[in-house]
């Protein structure tokens, strides 16, 4: 309905995109609130993408893994750049912790 209201006066002197912007911002606010509730319930795992979940499950088993070890375990299904991005996201959500720096960096599950 918001889109129709916006399109009704499209390319006229009375063009008004406010209904569409209001609808879009309301949806974004609702989604942000849902994400916040998931994080507050200590279930940030539900916010993960499929690839992030796959990497997280490798580390759920215990032990520590490097980026190269994760790549080998996944048999090259996920590019190393994506693995690194996923690890950053998992660190941000406090699901993993980083051990070491540089080439010797390893990751492990925080819950263990």
N, C-alpha and C. Protein backbone atom coordinates (compact mmCIF):
# COMPACT_ATOMS: atom_id res chain seq x y z
N UNK A 1 0.83 -1.19 0.00
CA UNK A 1 0.00 0.00 0.00
C UNK A 1 0.87 1.25 0.00
N UNK A 2 1.99 1.18 0.75
CA UNK A 2 2.90 2.32 0.79
C UNK A 2 3.51 2.56 -0.59
N UNK A 3 3.84 1.49 -1.26
CA UNK A 3 4.42 1.60 -2.60
C UNK A 3 3.40 2.18 -3.58
N UNK A 4 2.17 1.72 -3.48
CA UNK A 4 1.12 2.26 -4.35
C UNK A 4 0.90 3.75 -4.09
N UNK A 5 0.89 4.12 -2.81
CA UNK A 5 0.70 5.53 -2.47
C UNK A 5 1.83 6.39 -3.04
N UNK A 6 3.03 5.83 -3.04
CA UNK A 6 4.18 6.57 -3.57
C UNK A 6 4.11 6.63 -5.09
N UNK A 7 3.72 5.55 -5.73
CA UNK A 7 3.67 5.50 -7.19
C UNK A 7 2.54 6.32 -7.78
N UNK A 8 1.52 6.58 -6.98
CA UNK A 8 0.35 7.30 -7.47
C UNK A 8 0.74 8.67 -8.05
N UNK A 9 1.68 9.34 -7.41
CA UNK A 9 2.09 10.67 -7.86
C UNK A 9 3.51 10.67 -8.43
N UNK A 10 3.96 9.50 -8.87
CA UNK A 10 5.31 9.38 -9.41
C UNK A 10 5.47 10.22 -10.68
N UNK A 11 6.56 10.93 -10.78
CA UNK A 11 6.90 11.79 -11.92
C UNK A 11 5.86 12.90 -12.14
N UNK A 12 5.35 13.39 -11.03
CA UNK A 12 4.47 14.57 -11.09
C UNK A 12 5.05 15.62 -10.18
N UNK A 13 4.41 16.78 -10.17
CA UNK A 13 4.88 17.86 -9.29
C UNK A 13 4.59 17.54 -7.82
N UNK A 14 3.66 16.63 -7.56
CA UNK A 14 3.28 16.27 -6.20
C UNK A 14 3.93 14.97 -5.74
N UNK A 15 5.03 14.59 -6.35
CA UNK A 15 5.70 13.33 -6.00
C UNK A 15 6.09 13.34 -4.52
N UNK A 16 5.76 12.23 -3.83
CA UNK A 16 6.03 12.12 -2.40
C UNK A 16 6.42 10.67 -2.08
N UNK A 17 7.66 10.48 -1.68
CA UNK A 17 8.12 9.13 -1.36
C UNK A 17 8.07 8.84 0.14
N UNK A 18 7.50 9.75 0.90
CA UNK A 18 7.43 9.58 2.35
C UNK A 18 6.72 8.29 2.78
N UNK A 19 5.59 7.91 2.17
CA UNK A 19 4.94 6.66 2.62
C UNK A 19 5.87 5.44 2.47
N UNK A 20 6.60 5.38 1.36
CA UNK A 20 7.50 4.25 1.15
C UNK A 20 8.66 4.30 2.14
N UNK A 21 9.23 5.48 2.37
CA UNK A 21 10.33 5.60 3.32
C UNK A 21 9.89 5.26 4.74
N UNK A 22 8.69 5.68 5.11
CA UNK A 22 8.16 5.34 6.44
C UNK A 22 7.99 3.83 6.59
N UNK A 23 7.43 3.20 5.56
CA UNK A 23 7.26 1.74 5.59
C UNK A 23 8.62 1.05 5.71
N UNK A 24 9.56 1.44 4.89
CA UNK A 24 10.88 0.82 4.89
C UNK A 24 11.59 1.01 6.24
N UNK A 25 11.53 2.21 6.78
CA UNK A 25 12.20 2.44 8.07
C UNK A 25 11.52 1.67 9.20
N UNK A 26 10.18 1.54 9.15
CA UNK A 26 9.48 0.74 10.17
C UNK A 26 9.92 -0.72 10.12
N UNK A 27 10.06 -1.26 8.92
CA UNK A 27 10.49 -2.65 8.77
C UNK A 27 11.91 -2.82 9.28
N UNK A 28 12.79 -1.88 8.95
CA UNK A 28 14.18 -1.97 9.41
C UNK A 28 14.26 -1.90 10.93
N UNK A 29 13.46 -1.06 11.54
CA UNK A 29 13.44 -0.96 13.00
C UNK A 29 12.96 -2.27 13.62
N UNK A 30 11.91 -2.86 13.06
CA UNK A 30 11.40 -4.14 13.58
C UNK A 30 12.45 -5.23 13.48
N UNK A 31 13.16 -5.29 12.36
CA UNK A 31 14.18 -6.32 12.19
C UNK A 31 15.35 -6.10 13.16
N UNK A 32 15.72 -4.85 13.38
CA UNK A 32 16.79 -4.55 14.33
C UNK A 32 16.38 -4.95 15.75
N UNK A 33 15.13 -4.72 16.09
CA UNK A 33 14.64 -5.12 17.42
C UNK A 33 14.65 -6.64 17.57
N UNK A 34 14.27 -7.37 16.52
CA UNK A 34 14.31 -8.84 16.58
C UNK A 34 15.74 -9.33 16.77
N UNK A 35 16.67 -8.73 16.03
CA UNK A 35 18.07 -9.13 16.15
C UNK A 35 18.60 -8.83 17.55
N UNK A 36 18.22 -7.69 18.09
CA UNK A 36 18.66 -7.33 19.44
C UNK A 36 18.14 -8.32 20.47
N UNK A 37 16.88 -8.74 20.32
CA UNK A 37 16.31 -9.71 21.26
C UNK A 37 17.05 -11.05 21.18
N UNK A 38 17.39 -11.48 19.96
CA UNK A 38 18.13 -12.72 19.81
C UNK A 38 19.49 -12.65 20.51
N UNK A 39 20.15 -11.52 20.35
CA UNK A 39 21.47 -11.36 20.97
C UNK A 39 21.33 -11.31 22.48
N UNK A 40 20.33 -10.60 22.96
CA UNK A 40 20.13 -10.48 24.41
C UNK A 40 19.74 -11.81 25.04
N UNK A 41 19.10 -12.68 24.29
CA UNK A 41 18.71 -13.99 24.81
C UNK A 41 19.88 -14.97 24.77
N UNK A 42 21.04 -14.45 24.44
CA UNK A 42 22.23 -15.27 24.35
C UNK A 42 22.06 -16.38 23.32
N UNK A 43 21.42 -16.05 22.22
CA UNK A 43 21.28 -16.97 21.11
C UNK A 43 21.76 -16.32 19.81
N UNK A 44 22.95 -15.76 19.83
CA UNK A 44 23.43 -15.11 18.60
C UNK A 44 23.66 -16.09 17.46
N UNK A 45 23.67 -17.40 17.75
CA UNK A 45 23.85 -18.40 16.71
C UNK A 45 22.76 -18.30 15.65
N UNK A 46 21.59 -17.82 16.04
CA UNK A 46 20.48 -17.70 15.11
C UNK A 46 20.67 -16.58 14.10
N UNK A 47 21.67 -15.72 14.33
CA UNK A 47 21.93 -14.61 13.42
C UNK A 47 22.96 -14.96 12.36
N UNK A 48 23.48 -16.16 12.40
CA UNK A 48 24.57 -16.54 11.51
C UNK A 48 24.07 -16.98 10.14
N UNK A 49 24.90 -16.70 9.14
CA UNK A 49 24.61 -17.19 7.79
C UNK A 49 24.95 -18.68 7.73
N UNK A 50 24.63 -19.30 6.63
CA UNK A 50 24.90 -20.73 6.47
C UNK A 50 26.40 -21.03 6.58
N UNK A 51 27.23 -20.20 5.95
CA UNK A 51 28.68 -20.41 5.98
C UNK A 51 29.24 -20.16 7.37
N UNK A 52 28.75 -19.12 8.04
CA UNK A 52 29.20 -18.83 9.40
C UNK A 52 28.84 -19.97 10.33
N UNK A 53 27.65 -20.52 10.15
CA UNK A 53 27.20 -21.64 10.98
C UNK A 53 28.10 -22.85 10.77
N UNK A 54 28.46 -23.10 9.54
CA UNK A 54 29.32 -24.25 9.23
C UNK A 54 30.68 -24.11 9.92
N UNK A 55 31.24 -22.92 9.89
CA UNK A 55 32.53 -22.67 10.54
C UNK A 55 32.39 -22.77 12.05
N UNK A 56 31.31 -22.21 12.57
CA UNK A 56 31.07 -22.26 14.02
C UNK A 56 30.93 -23.70 14.50
N UNK A 57 30.26 -24.53 13.73
CA UNK A 57 30.07 -25.93 14.12
C UNK A 57 31.39 -26.69 14.16
N UNK A 58 32.32 -26.32 13.29
CA UNK A 58 33.65 -26.94 13.35
C UNK A 58 34.32 -26.66 14.69
N UNK A 59 34.15 -25.42 15.15
CA UNK A 59 34.82 -25.00 16.39
C UNK A 59 34.03 -25.38 17.63
N UNK A 60 32.77 -25.77 17.46
CA UNK A 60 31.95 -26.20 18.60
C UNK A 60 32.45 -27.51 19.20
N UNK A 61 33.13 -28.28 18.39
CA UNK A 61 33.60 -29.59 18.82
C UNK A 61 34.76 -29.50 19.81
N UNK A 62 35.29 -28.32 19.98
CA UNK A 62 36.40 -28.13 20.91
C UNK A 62 37.71 -28.00 20.17
N UNK A 63 38.74 -27.66 20.90
CA UNK A 63 40.04 -27.47 20.29
C UNK A 63 40.16 -26.11 19.63
N UNK A 64 41.29 -25.90 19.00
CA UNK A 64 41.53 -24.64 18.31
C UNK A 64 41.87 -24.93 16.85
N UNK A 65 41.52 -24.00 15.99
CA UNK A 65 41.79 -24.16 14.57
C UNK A 65 42.29 -22.85 13.98
N UNK A 66 43.16 -22.96 12.99
CA UNK A 66 43.62 -21.79 12.24
C UNK A 66 42.75 -21.67 10.98
N UNK A 67 42.93 -20.58 10.25
CA UNK A 67 42.18 -20.39 9.01
C UNK A 67 42.49 -21.52 8.04
N UNK A 68 43.76 -21.90 7.92
CA UNK A 68 44.14 -22.98 7.01
C UNK A 68 43.51 -24.32 7.41
N UNK A 69 43.46 -24.58 8.70
CA UNK A 69 42.85 -25.83 9.18
C UNK A 69 41.34 -25.84 8.91
N UNK A 70 40.72 -24.70 9.07
CA UNK A 70 39.28 -24.59 8.76
C UNK A 70 39.06 -24.83 7.27
N UNK A 71 39.91 -24.22 6.44
CA UNK A 71 39.83 -24.40 5.00
C UNK A 71 39.97 -25.88 4.62
N UNK A 72 40.93 -26.57 5.23
CA UNK A 72 41.12 -27.99 4.94
C UNK A 72 39.92 -28.82 5.41
N UNK A 73 39.40 -28.49 6.58
CA UNK A 73 38.25 -29.23 7.11
C UNK A 73 37.02 -29.06 6.22
N UNK A 74 36.90 -27.90 5.62
CA UNK A 74 35.75 -27.64 4.73
C UNK A 74 36.04 -28.04 3.29
N UNK A 75 37.22 -28.56 3.05
CA UNK A 75 37.64 -29.04 1.73
C UNK A 75 37.50 -27.99 0.64
N UNK A 76 37.84 -26.76 1.00
CA UNK A 76 37.83 -25.67 0.02
C UNK A 76 36.47 -25.21 -0.43
N UNK A 77 35.39 -25.62 0.27
CA UNK A 77 34.02 -25.21 -0.11
C UNK A 77 33.81 -23.72 0.06
N UNK A 78 34.53 -23.13 1.03
CA UNK A 78 34.37 -21.71 1.32
C UNK A 78 35.71 -21.03 1.09
N UNK A 79 35.77 -19.94 0.30
CA UNK A 79 37.03 -19.25 0.07
C UNK A 79 37.63 -18.72 1.39
N UNK A 80 38.96 -18.66 1.44
CA UNK A 80 39.62 -18.21 2.67
C UNK A 80 39.19 -16.80 3.06
N UNK A 81 38.96 -15.93 2.09
CA UNK A 81 38.52 -14.56 2.41
C UNK A 81 37.17 -14.61 3.14
N UNK A 82 36.28 -15.48 2.72
CA UNK A 82 34.98 -15.63 3.36
C UNK A 82 35.14 -16.25 4.75
N UNK A 83 36.06 -17.18 4.88
CA UNK A 83 36.33 -17.77 6.20
C UNK A 83 36.77 -16.68 7.17
N UNK A 84 37.67 -15.82 6.71
CA UNK A 84 38.17 -14.73 7.56
C UNK A 84 37.05 -13.77 7.94
N UNK A 85 36.18 -13.44 6.98
CA UNK A 85 35.04 -12.57 7.27
C UNK A 85 34.10 -13.22 8.28
N UNK A 86 33.87 -14.51 8.10
CA UNK A 86 32.99 -15.24 9.01
C UNK A 86 33.57 -15.29 10.41
N UNK A 87 34.88 -15.51 10.50
CA UNK A 87 35.54 -15.52 11.81
C UNK A 87 35.42 -14.16 12.49
N UNK A 88 35.55 -13.09 11.71
CA UNK A 88 35.39 -11.74 12.27
C UNK A 88 33.99 -11.56 12.84
N UNK A 89 32.99 -12.03 12.10
CA UNK A 89 31.60 -11.94 12.57
C UNK A 89 31.39 -12.76 13.84
N UNK A 90 31.95 -13.96 13.89
CA UNK A 90 31.84 -14.82 15.07
C UNK A 90 32.54 -14.20 16.27
N UNK A 91 33.65 -13.52 16.03
CA UNK A 91 34.34 -12.82 17.12
C UNK A 91 33.50 -11.64 17.61
N UNK A 92 32.91 -10.93 16.66
CA UNK A 92 32.06 -9.78 16.99
C UNK A 92 30.87 -10.19 17.86
N UNK A 93 30.31 -11.35 17.57
CA UNK A 93 29.17 -11.86 18.35
C UNK A 93 29.61 -12.57 19.63
N UNK A 94 30.93 -12.57 19.84
CA UNK A 94 31.51 -13.18 21.04
C UNK A 94 31.24 -14.68 21.14
N UNK A 95 31.16 -15.33 19.99
CA UNK A 95 30.99 -16.77 19.96
C UNK A 95 32.34 -17.49 19.95
N UNK A 96 33.35 -16.79 19.44
CA UNK A 96 34.70 -17.35 19.39
C UNK A 96 35.66 -16.40 20.08
N UNK A 97 36.84 -16.93 20.39
CA UNK A 97 37.90 -16.06 20.84
C UNK A 97 39.14 -16.33 20.01
N UNK A 98 39.93 -15.29 19.84
CA UNK A 98 41.14 -15.37 19.04
C UNK A 98 42.32 -15.63 19.96
N UNK A 99 43.16 -16.54 19.54
CA UNK A 99 44.37 -16.85 20.29
C UNK A 99 45.55 -16.54 19.38
N UNK A 100 46.45 -15.71 19.82
CA UNK A 100 47.62 -15.36 19.03
C UNK A 100 47.32 -14.29 18.00
N UNK A 101 48.36 -14.00 17.20
CA UNK A 101 48.22 -12.98 16.16
C UNK A 101 48.99 -13.39 14.92
N UNK A 102 48.68 -12.73 13.83
CA UNK A 102 49.39 -13.00 12.57
C UNK A 102 49.14 -14.40 12.07
N UNK A 103 50.18 -15.00 11.52
CA UNK A 103 50.05 -16.33 10.93
C UNK A 103 49.74 -17.41 11.96
N UNK A 104 50.09 -17.15 13.21
CA UNK A 104 49.87 -18.14 14.26
C UNK A 104 48.49 -18.03 14.91
N UNK A 105 47.62 -17.18 14.38
CA UNK A 105 46.30 -16.98 14.97
C UNK A 105 45.49 -18.26 14.92
N UNK A 106 44.85 -18.55 16.03
CA UNK A 106 43.97 -19.72 16.14
C UNK A 106 42.67 -19.24 16.77
N UNK A 107 41.63 -19.99 16.58
CA UNK A 107 40.32 -19.64 17.09
C UNK A 107 39.74 -20.80 17.87
N UNK A 108 38.96 -20.46 18.90
CA UNK A 108 38.28 -21.51 19.65
C UNK A 108 36.92 -20.99 20.13
N UNK A 109 36.07 -21.93 20.42
CA UNK A 109 34.73 -21.64 20.89
C UNK A 109 34.81 -21.03 22.29
N UNK A 110 34.07 -19.97 22.52
CA UNK A 110 34.07 -19.33 23.84
C UNK A 110 33.31 -20.10 24.89
N UNK A 111 32.34 -20.89 24.46
CA UNK A 111 31.45 -21.57 25.40
C UNK A 111 32.07 -22.80 26.02
N UNK A 112 33.19 -23.25 25.49
CA UNK A 112 33.82 -24.46 26.01
C UNK A 112 34.75 -24.12 27.16
